[in-house]
């Protein structure tokens, strides 16, 4: 089982590095754009007050192919923590068995648009599934007493001392 998990992890890493797509563009509110067969639409961007931060939150609709069914509504954020004066970005993630879609909102641009970064990562969840299978294989091997270190070692009786001549 652990070896199968390692194989699944390798497939996930290979798929992720071979077919990963990254897109950076300026999106206008209400306008849709296409990335690798998916359609994303920036619905709106608003300022939100959190418990200890100020956030710029976008609402983005993810559709399967242009004009297709809605798959998810994503809410990426750009947060600023006033006490520490520390900005962070919170990516919105739509994860599925065959791919993950990450969307990050950036700064507002001249002309009213917003910088939107989109990452499509195929087989990313296969890496986690492979790691879980490897750990499960390790636990299964530890549960069988025959496979534990020195479990099969027999106790030997000490040799009787022989007097010297």
C-alpha atoms as a PDB file:
ATOM      1  CA  UNK A   1       0.000   0.000   0.000  1.00  0.00           C
ATOM      2  CA  UNK A   2       2.835   2.392   0.819  1.00  0.00           C
ATOM      3  CA  UNK A   3       4.455   1.719  -2.553  1.00  0.00           C
ATOM      4  CA  UNK A   4       1.163   2.411  -4.349  1.00  0.00           C
ATOM      5  CA  UNK A   5       0.926   5.670  -2.412  1.00  0.00           C
ATOM      6  CA  UNK A   6       4.401   6.639  -3.590  1.00  0.00           C
ATOM      7  CA  UNK A   7       3.374   5.917  -7.188  1.00  0.00           C
ATOM      8  CA  UNK A   8       0.229   8.034  -6.842  1.00  0.00           C
ATOM      9  CA  UNK A   9       2.307  10.871  -5.367  1.00  0.00           C
ATOM     10  CA  UNK A  10       4.712  10.679  -8.328  1.00  0.00           C
ATOM     11  CA  UNK A  11       1.795  10.803 -10.780  1.00  0.00           C
ATOM     12  CA  UNK A  12       0.414  13.859  -8.958  1.00  0.00           C
ATOM     13  CA  UNK A  13       3.761  15.672  -9.001  1.00  0.00           C
ATOM     14  CA  UNK A  14       4.331  14.849 -12.681  1.00  0.00           C
ATOM     15  CA  UNK A  15       0.854  16.024 -13.660  1.00  0.00           C
ATOM     16  CA  UNK A  16       1.182  19.183 -11.606  1.00  0.00           C
ATOM     17  CA  UNK A  17       4.521  20.181 -13.102  1.00  0.00           C
ATOM     18  CA  UNK A  18       3.592  19.226 -16.675  1.00  0.00           C
ATOM     19  CA  UNK A  19       0.111  20.735 -16.968  1.00  0.00           C
ATOM     20  CA  UNK A  20      -0.033  23.590 -14.463  1.00  0.00           C
ATOM     21  CA  UNK A  21      -1.474  26.813 -15.916  1.00  0.00           C
ATOM     22  CA  UNK A  22      -0.899  30.312 -14.510  1.00  0.00           C
ATOM     23  CA  UNK A  23      -2.702  33.418 -15.763  1.00  0.00           C
ATOM     24  CA  UNK A  24      -2.266  37.047 -14.670  1.00  0.00           C
ATOM     25  CA  UNK A  25      -4.539  39.726 -16.067  1.00  0.00           C
ATOM     26  CA  UNK A  26      -6.467  42.883 -15.319  1.00  0.00           C
ATOM     27  CA  UNK A  27     -10.163  41.980 -15.033  1.00  0.00           C
ATOM     28  CA  UNK A  28     -13.019  44.440 -15.149  1.00  0.00           C
ATOM     29  CA  UNK A  29     -16.024  43.945 -12.841  1.00  0.00           C
ATOM     30  CA  UNK A  30     -18.829  42.264 -14.770  1.00  0.00           C
ATOM     31  CA  UNK A  31     -16.520  40.984 -17.498  1.00  0.00           C
ATOM     32  CA  UNK A  32     -15.717  37.317 -18.030  1.00  0.00           C
ATOM     33  CA  UNK A  33     -12.407  35.866 -19.158  1.00  0.00           C
ATOM     34  CA  UNK A  34     -11.222  32.396 -20.110  1.00  0.00           C
ATOM     35  CA  UNK A  35      -8.333  30.416 -18.625  1.00  0.00           C
ATOM     36  CA  UNK A  36      -7.544  26.897 -19.882  1.00  0.00           C
ATOM     37  CA  UNK A  37     -11.144  25.944 -20.676  1.00  0.00           C
ATOM     38  CA  UNK A  38     -12.658  27.614 -17.610  1.00  0.00           C
ATOM     39  CA  UNK A  39     -14.557  30.877 -17.604  1.00  0.00           C
ATOM     40  CA  UNK A  40     -14.096  33.252 -14.692  1.00  0.00           C
ATOM     41  CA  UNK A  41     -16.223  36.323 -14.105  1.00  0.00           C
ATOM     42  CA  UNK A  42     -15.266  39.094 -11.694  1.00  0.00           C
ATOM     43  CA  UNK A  43     -18.661  40.022 -10.240  1.00  0.00           C
ATOM     44  CA  UNK A  44     -17.640  42.703  -7.754  1.00  0.00           C
ATOM     45  CA  UNK A  45     -14.929  43.877  -5.394  1.00  0.00           C
ATOM     46  CA  UNK A  46     -15.827  45.334  -2.015  1.00  0.00           C
ATOM     47  CA  UNK A  47     -14.140  46.423   1.195  1.00  0.00           C
ATOM     48  CA  UNK A  48     -14.958  44.298   4.227  1.00  0.00           C
ATOM     49  CA  UNK A  49     -14.141  44.953   7.882  1.00  0.00           C
ATOM     50  CA  UNK A  50     -12.937  41.841   9.705  1.00  0.00           C
ATOM     51  CA  UNK A  51     -12.360  41.389  13.452  1.00  0.00           C
ATOM     52  CA  UNK A  52      -8.745  42.572  13.262  1.00  0.00           C
ATOM     53  CA  UNK A  53      -8.200  43.358   9.578  1.00  0.00           C
ATOM     54  CA  UNK A  54      -9.497  45.360   6.645  1.00  0.00           C
ATOM     55  CA  UNK A  55     -10.137  43.275   3.553  1.00  0.00           C
ATOM     56  CA  UNK A  56     -10.603  43.858  -0.148  1.00  0.00           C
ATOM     57  CA  UNK A  57     -12.792  40.895  -1.152  1.00  0.00           C
ATOM     58  CA  UNK A  58     -13.691  39.899  -4.687  1.00  0.00           C
ATOM     59  CA  UNK A  59     -16.511  37.650  -5.818  1.00  0.00           C
ATOM     60  CA  UNK A  60     -15.573  35.515  -8.810  1.00  0.00           C
ATOM     61  CA  UNK A  61     -17.787  32.975 -10.555  1.00  0.00           C
ATOM     62  CA  UNK A  62     -16.033  29.887 -11.930  1.00  0.00           C
ATOM     63  CA  UNK A  63     -17.766  28.191 -14.853  1.00  0.00           C
ATOM     64  CA  UNK A  64     -16.967  25.022 -16.757  1.00  0.00           C
ATOM     65  CA  UNK A  65     -16.031  26.254 -20.256  1.00  0.00           C
ATOM     66  CA  UNK A  66     -17.343  29.527 -21.654  1.00  0.00           C
ATOM     67  CA  UNK A  67     -21.069  29.785 -21.019  1.00  0.00           C
ATOM     68  CA  UNK A  68     -21.097  26.504 -19.077  1.00  0.00           C
ATOM     69  CA  UNK A  69     -22.517  25.560 -15.693  1.00  0.00           C
ATOM     70  CA  UNK A  70     -21.416  27.430 -12.594  1.00  0.00           C
ATOM     71  CA  UNK A  71     -18.923  25.320 -10.649  1.00  0.00           C
ATOM     72  CA  UNK A  72     -18.192  27.632  -7.722  1.00  0.00           C
ATOM     73  CA  UNK A  73     -18.275  31.156  -6.342  1.00  0.00           C
ATOM     74  CA  UNK A  74     -14.844  32.123  -5.127  1.00  0.00           C
ATOM     75  CA  UNK A  75     -14.029  34.909  -2.663  1.00  0.00           C
ATOM     76  CA  UNK A  76     -10.323  35.792  -2.753  1.00  0.00           C
ATOM     77  CA  UNK A  77      -9.182  38.504  -0.327  1.00  0.00           C
ATOM     78  CA  UNK A  78      -6.375  40.942   0.170  1.00  0.00           C
ATOM     79  CA  UNK A  79      -6.152  41.688   3.900  1.00  0.00           C
ATOM     80  CA  UNK A  80      -4.334  44.397   5.800  1.00  0.00           C
ATOM     81  CA  UNK A  81      -3.808  44.012   9.539  1.00  0.00           C
ATOM     82  CA  UNK A  82      -3.624  47.616  10.849  1.00  0.00           C
ATOM     83  CA  UNK A  83      -1.808  46.823  14.107  1.00  0.00           C
ATOM     84  CA  UNK A  84       1.140  45.164  12.355  1.00  0.00           C
ATOM     85  CA  UNK A  85       0.734  47.026   9.037  1.00  0.00           C
ATOM     86  CA  UNK A  86       1.052  43.654   7.362  1.00  0.00           C
ATOM     87  CA  UNK A  87      -0.743  42.863   4.081  1.00  0.00           C
ATOM     88  CA  UNK A  88      -1.600  39.274   3.174  1.00  0.00           C
ATOM     89  CA  UNK A  89      -3.468  37.607   0.344  1.00  0.00           C
ATOM     90  CA  UNK A  90      -6.021  34.886   0.885  1.00  0.00           C
ATOM     91  CA  UNK A  91      -6.423  32.689  -2.184  1.00  0.00           C
ATOM     92  CA  UNK A  92      -9.826  31.254  -2.988  1.00  0.00           C
ATOM     93  CA  UNK A  93      -9.603  27.565  -3.886  1.00  0.00           C
ATOM     94  CA  UNK A  94     -11.989  25.271  -5.729  1.00  0.00           C
ATOM     95  CA  UNK A  95     -10.594  21.779  -5.312  1.00  0.00           C
ATOM     96  CA  UNK A  96     -11.722  18.648  -7.110  1.00  0.00           C
ATOM     97  CA  UNK A  97     -10.286  15.172  -7.686  1.00  0.00           C
ATOM     98  CA  UNK A  98      -8.689  16.019 -11.040  1.00  0.00           C
ATOM     99  CA  UNK A  99      -7.675  19.670 -10.493  1.00  0.00           C
ATOM    100  CA  UNK A 100      -7.511  22.657  -8.167  1.00  0.00           C
ATOM    101  CA  UNK A 101      -8.300  26.227  -9.212  1.00  0.00           C
ATOM    102  CA  UNK A 102      -6.691  29.007  -7.143  1.00  0.00           C
ATOM    103  CA  UNK A 103      -7.740  32.645  -7.603  1.00  0.00           C
ATOM    104  CA  UNK A 104      -5.911  35.606  -6.019  1.00  0.00           C
ATOM    105  CA  UNK A 105      -7.044  39.233  -6.118  1.00  0.00           C
ATOM    106  CA  UNK A 106      -4.394  41.925  -6.451  1.00  0.00           C
ATOM    107  CA  UNK A 107      -4.385  45.704  -6.580  1.00  0.00           C
ATOM    108  CA  UNK A 108      -6.812  47.975  -8.345  1.00  0.00           C
ATOM    109  CA  UNK A 109      -5.457  49.273 -11.649  1.00  0.00           C
ATOM    110  CA  UNK A 110      -6.038  52.485 -13.508  1.00  0.00           C
ATOM    111  CA  UNK A 111      -9.300  52.309 -15.415  1.00  0.00           C
ATOM    112  CA  UNK A 112     -11.169  50.440 -12.673  1.00  0.00           C
ATOM    113  CA  UNK A 113      -9.853  46.939 -13.278  1.00  0.00           C
ATOM    114  CA  UNK A 114      -8.313  44.577 -10.744  1.00  0.00           C
ATOM    115  CA  UNK A 115      -5.305  42.305 -11.050  1.00  0.00           C
ATOM    116  CA  UNK A 116      -6.464  38.674 -10.923  1.00  0.00           C
ATOM    117  CA  UNK A 117      -4.075  35.722 -10.775  1.00  0.00           C
ATOM    118  CA  UNK A 118      -5.461  32.306 -11.642  1.00  0.00           C
ATOM    119  CA  UNK A 119      -3.651  29.005 -11.119  1.00  0.00           C
ATOM    120  CA  UNK A 120      -5.006  25.693 -12.420  1.00  0.00           C
ATOM    121  CA  UNK A 121      -3.159  22.779 -10.858  1.00  0.00           C
ATOM    122  CA  UNK A 122      -4.123  19.355 -12.196  1.00  0.00           C
ATOM    123  CA  UNK A 123      -3.735  16.288  -9.967  1.00  0.00           C
ATOM    124  CA  UNK A 124      -2.734  18.360  -6.909  1.00  0.00           C
ATOM    125  CA  UNK A 125      -4.952  16.289  -4.619  1.00  0.00           C
ATOM    126  CA  UNK A 126      -3.243  13.121  -5.819  1.00  0.00           C
ATOM    127  CA  UNK A 127      -0.129  14.218  -3.953  1.00  0.00           C
ATOM    128  CA  UNK A 128      -2.071  14.321  -0.687  1.00  0.00           C
ATOM    129  CA  UNK A 129      -3.854  11.040  -1.442  1.00  0.00           C
ATOM    130  CA  UNK A 130      -0.503   9.359  -2.097  1.00  0.00           C
ATOM    131  CA  UNK A 131       0.924  10.666   1.181  1.00  0.00           C
ATOM    132  CA  UNK A 132      -2.105   9.375   3.078  1.00  0.00           C
ATOM    133  CA  UNK A 133      -1.729   5.947   1.442  1.00  0.00           C
ATOM    134  CA  UNK A 134       1.978   5.857   2.325  1.00  0.00           C
ATOM    135  CA  UNK A 135       1.198   6.676   5.962  1.00  0.00           C
ATOM    136  CA  UNK A 136      -1.604   4.101   6.014  1.00  0.00           C
ATOM    137  CA  UNK A 137       0.762   1.474   4.593  1.00  0.00           C
ATOM    138  CA  UNK A 138       3.253   2.297   7.344  1.00  0.00           C
ATOM    139  CA  UNK A 139       0.615   1.948  10.047  1.00  0.00           C
ATOM    140  CA  UNK A 140      -0.575  -1.350   8.597  1.00  0.00           C
ATOM    141  CA  UNK A 141       2.972  -2.712   8.574  1.00  0.00           C
ATOM    142  CA  UNK A 142       3.432  -1.647  12.200  1.00  0.00           C
ATOM    143  CA  UNK A 143       0.203  -3.356  13.222  1.00  0.00           C
ATOM    144  CA  UNK A 144       1.525  -6.794  12.190  1.00  0.00           C
ATOM    145  CA  UNK A 145       3.854  -8.136  14.863  1.00  0.00           C
ATOM    146  CA  UNK A 146       5.857 -10.166  12.332  1.00  0.00           C
ATOM    147  CA  UNK A 147       7.128  -6.994  10.637  1.00  0.00           C
ATOM    148  CA  UNK A 148       8.309  -5.130  13.717  1.00  0.00           C
ATOM    149  CA  UNK A 149      12.034  -4.798  14.278  1.00  0.00           C
ATOM    150  CA  UNK A 150      13.456  -7.637  16.373  1.00  0.00           C
ATOM    151  CA  UNK A 151      10.008  -9.144  16.909  1.00  0.00           C
ATOM    152  CA  UNK A 152      11.208 -12.452  15.494  1.00  0.00           C
ATOM    153  CA  UNK A 153      14.463 -12.482  17.429  1.00  0.00           C
ATOM    154  CA  UNK A 154      14.644 -15.438  19.776  1.00  0.00           C
ATOM    155  CA  UNK A 155      15.963 -15.281  23.244  1.00  0.00           C
ATOM    156  CA  UNK A 156      19.037 -17.384  23.626  1.00  0.00           C
ATOM    157  CA  UNK A 157      20.096 -18.954  26.852  1.00  0.00           C
ATOM    158  CA  UNK A 158      23.499 -17.841  28.035  1.00  0.00           C
ATOM    159  CA  UNK A 159      26.256 -20.410  27.527  1.00  0.00           C
ATOM    160  CA  UNK A 160      27.360 -22.210  30.655  1.00  0.00           C
ATOM    161  CA  UNK A 161      30.737 -21.223  31.895  1.00  0.00           C
ATOM    162  CA  UNK A 162      33.400 -23.838  31.425  1.00  0.00           C
ATOM    163  CA  UNK A 163      36.168 -23.888  34.000  1.00  0.00           C
ATOM    164  CA  UNK A 164      39.669 -23.306  32.741  1.00  0.00           C
ATOM    165  CA  UNK A 165      42.082 -26.199  32.887  1.00  0.00           C
END
